[in-house]
Each structure stands twice: as structure tokens, then as C-alpha cells.
C-alpha atoms as a PDB file:
ATOM      1  CA  MET A   1      90.337  56.094 105.918  1.00  0.00           C
ATOM      2  CA  LYS A   2      92.245  53.431 107.527  1.00  0.00           C
ATOM      3  CA  ILE A   3      93.065  51.770 104.363  1.00  0.00           C
ATOM      4  CA  ALA A   4      94.345  55.076 103.015  1.00  0.00           C
ATOM      5  CA  THR A   5      96.738  55.488 106.147  1.00  0.00           C
ATOM      6  CA  VAL A   6      98.215  52.065 105.671  1.00  0.00           C
ATOM      7  CA  ALA A   7      98.630  52.884 102.209  1.00  0.00           C
ATOM      8  CA  LEU A   8     100.209  56.198 103.041  1.00  0.00           C
ATOM      9  CA  VAL A   9     102.573  54.589 105.774  1.00  0.00           C
ATOM     10  CA  CYS A  10     103.710  52.079 103.211  1.00  0.00           C
ATOM     11  CA  THR A  11     104.512  54.192 100.277  1.00  0.00           C
ATOM     12  CA  LEU A  12     106.529  56.643 102.575  1.00  0.00           C
ATOM     13  CA  GLY A  13     108.504  53.625 103.970  1.00  0.00           C
ATOM     14  CA  ALA A  14     109.204  52.298 100.573  1.00  0.00           C
ATOM     15  CA  ALA A  15     110.326  55.863  99.224  1.00  0.00           C
ATOM     16  CA  THR A  16     112.507  56.309 102.028  1.00  0.00           C
ATOM     17  CA  MET A  17     114.447  52.866 101.211  1.00  0.00           C
ATOM     18  CA  LEU A  18     114.418  53.667  97.432  1.00  0.00           C
ATOM     19  CA  SER A  19     115.378  56.881  97.378  1.00  0.00           C
ATOM     20  CA  GLY A  20     119.059  56.229  98.682  1.00  0.00           C
ATOM     21  CA  CYS A  21     119.601  53.675  96.149  1.00  0.00           C
ATOM     22  CA  LEU A  22     118.448  55.918  93.038  1.00  0.00           C
ATOM     23  CA  THR A  23     121.648  57.875  91.682  1.00  0.00           C
ATOM     24  CA  THR A  24     119.931  60.088  89.169  1.00  0.00           C
ATOM     25  CA  PRO A  25     117.892  63.417  90.194  1.00  0.00           C
ATOM     26  CA  GLU A  26     115.005  62.122  87.984  1.00  0.00           C
ATOM     27  CA  GLY A  27     114.491  58.758  89.778  1.00  0.00           C
ATOM     28  CA  LYS A  28     115.022  60.427  93.207  1.00  0.00           C
ATOM     29  CA  GLY A  29     112.492  63.030  92.485  1.00  0.00           C
ATOM     30  CA  ALA A  30     110.108  60.823  90.607  1.00  0.00           C
ATOM     31  CA  VAL A  31     110.035  58.622  94.234  1.00  0.00           C
ATOM     32  CA  VAL A  32     109.663  61.403  96.469  1.00  0.00           C
ATOM     33  CA  GLY A  33     107.141  63.223  94.577  1.00  0.00           C
ATOM     34  CA  GLY A  34     105.563  59.904  94.407  1.00  0.00           C
ATOM     35  CA  ALA A  35     105.336  59.524  98.071  1.00  0.00           C
ATOM     36  CA  ILE A  36     104.240  62.915  98.817  1.00  0.00           C
ATOM     37  CA  GLY A  37     101.491  62.657  96.226  1.00  0.00           C
ATOM     38  CA  THR A  38     100.131  59.569  97.670  1.00  0.00           C
ATOM     39  CA  GLY A  39     100.058  61.052 101.083  1.00  0.00           C
ATOM     40  CA  ILE A  40      98.285  63.957  99.742  1.00  0.00           C
ATOM     41  CA  GLY A  41      95.730  62.006  97.534  1.00  0.00           C
ATOM     42  CA  ALA A  42      95.138  59.476 100.725  1.00  0.00           C
ATOM     43  CA  ILE A  43      94.257  62.192 102.885  1.00  0.00           C
ATOM     44  CA  ALA A  44      92.551  64.544 100.712  1.00  0.00           C
ATOM     45  CA  SER A  45      90.043  61.625  99.097  1.00  0.00           C
ATOM     46  CA  GLY A  46      90.402  58.991 101.828  1.00  0.00           C
ATOM     47  CA  THR A  47      90.329  56.167  99.222  1.00  0.00           C
ATOM     48  CA  VAL A  48      92.928  54.144  97.539  1.00  0.00           C
ATOM     49  CA  GLY A  49      92.015  55.287  94.031  1.00  0.00           C
ATOM     50  CA  GLY A  50      92.978  59.107  95.632  1.00  0.00           C
ATOM     51  CA  ALA A  51      96.172  57.784  96.830  1.00  0.00           C
ATOM     52  CA  LEU A  52      97.056  56.129  93.318  1.00  0.00           C
ATOM     53  CA  VAL A  53      96.112  59.207  91.237  1.00  0.00           C
ATOM     54  CA  GLY A  54      98.163  61.400  93.814  1.00  0.00           C
ATOM     55  CA  GLY A  55     100.968  59.070  93.684  1.00  0.00           C
ATOM     56  CA  ALA A  56     101.230  58.973  89.564  1.00  0.00           C
ATOM     57  CA  VAL A  57     100.698  62.865  89.324  1.00  0.00           C
ATOM     58  CA  GLY A  58     103.564  63.251  92.213  1.00  0.00           C
ATOM     59  CA  ALA A  59     105.749  60.987  90.102  1.00  0.00           C
ATOM     60  CA  GLY A  60     105.584  63.007  87.252  1.00  0.00           C
ATOM     61  CA  ALA A  61     105.859  66.075  88.940  1.00  0.00           C
ATOM     62  CA  GLY A  62     108.828  64.824  90.813  1.00  0.00           C
ATOM     63  CA  TYR A  63     110.462  63.496  87.798  1.00  0.00           C
ATOM     64  CA  LEU A  64     110.482  67.315  85.988  1.00  0.00           C
ATOM     65  CA  VAL A  65     111.640  68.899  89.197  1.00  0.00           C
ATOM     66  CA  GLY A  66     114.642  66.445  89.220  1.00  0.00           C
ATOM     67  CA  LYS A  67     115.380  66.497  85.549  1.00  0.00           C
ATOM     68  CA  HIS A  68     115.610  70.493  85.770  1.00  0.00           C
ATOM     69  CA  THR A  69     117.924  70.801  88.867  1.00  0.00           C
ATOM     70  CA  TYR A  70     121.312  70.323  89.265  1.00  0.00           C
ATOM     71  CA  LYS A  71     124.023  70.717  92.352  1.00  0.00           C
ATOM     72  CA  CYS A  72     125.893  74.061  92.185  1.00  0.00           C
ATOM     73  CA  GLU A  73     128.244  76.086  94.349  1.00  0.00           C
ATOM     74  CA  ARG A  74     126.106  78.820  96.302  1.00  0.00           C
ATOM     75  CA  VAL A  75     126.879  81.714  98.600  1.00  0.00           C
ATOM     76  CA  ASN A  76     124.989  82.259 101.751  1.00  0.00           C
ATOM     77  CA  MET A  77     124.397  85.813 103.247  1.00  0.00           C
ATOM     78  CA  PHE A  78     127.381  85.530 105.223  1.00  0.00           C
ATOM     79  CA  GLY A  79     129.425  84.896 102.330  1.00  0.00           C
ATOM     80  CA  GLN A  80     130.215  81.022 103.278  1.00  0.00           C
ATOM     81  CA  LYS A  81     130.139  78.845  99.970  1.00  0.00           C
ATOM     82  CA  TYR A  82     127.976  75.662 100.339  1.00  0.00           C
ATOM     83  CA  ILE A  83     126.828  72.854  97.693  1.00  0.00           C
ATOM     84  CA  GLY A  84     123.146  73.724  96.883  1.00  0.00           C
ATOM     85  CA  THR A  85     120.227  72.876  94.297  1.00  0.00           C
ATOM     86  CA  CYS A  86     119.941  75.098  91.025  1.00  0.00           C
ATOM     87  CA  TRP A  87     117.445  75.316  88.391  1.00  0.00           C
ATOM     88  CA  ARG A  88     118.183  74.984  84.679  1.00  0.00           C
END
């Protein structure tokens, strides 16, 4: 369990540093999805293998989510406009 916890902390730290450098939504989604998947895989299985599989699945899912989203102008319930995320 300690190895999985260390892997989780390292992955989340790396994802935090890398997510600001990427400019495409696909890349940001892959980094964040990979980090979250690694954390969930490590917690669920308690092994490094589970963390690796979770990271790979999370990165793929994050890439797909990033590919199908874009920034758009939305209106909240008070009539104020803001920049949000929309699905294609």
C-alpha cells in the first residue's frame, strides 16, 4: 500500500506541473485523466500494476473528453454571461 501511495503522490504532482504547459484540450484531459486514473487504480488495487492500468485507462478517457469539449459563452440563472465548457 505504501508503494501505491507514493506512486499516487508522484503522479498527482507531475500532472499538476504538466497540465499548465499543455495547450490543447486533448493533452490537458489526458494528463488530468491519467493522474486521476492512477490514483483510483492505486487505491482500488493497492498495487503498482493497478495504478498503471488505472492511469492508462484514465489518460485515454481524459483524451476523449478533451477532444469533444470546447470553450463557449454560457449564461447562468441570474442572466450573467461566463466562459464555460460545452460538449460537441
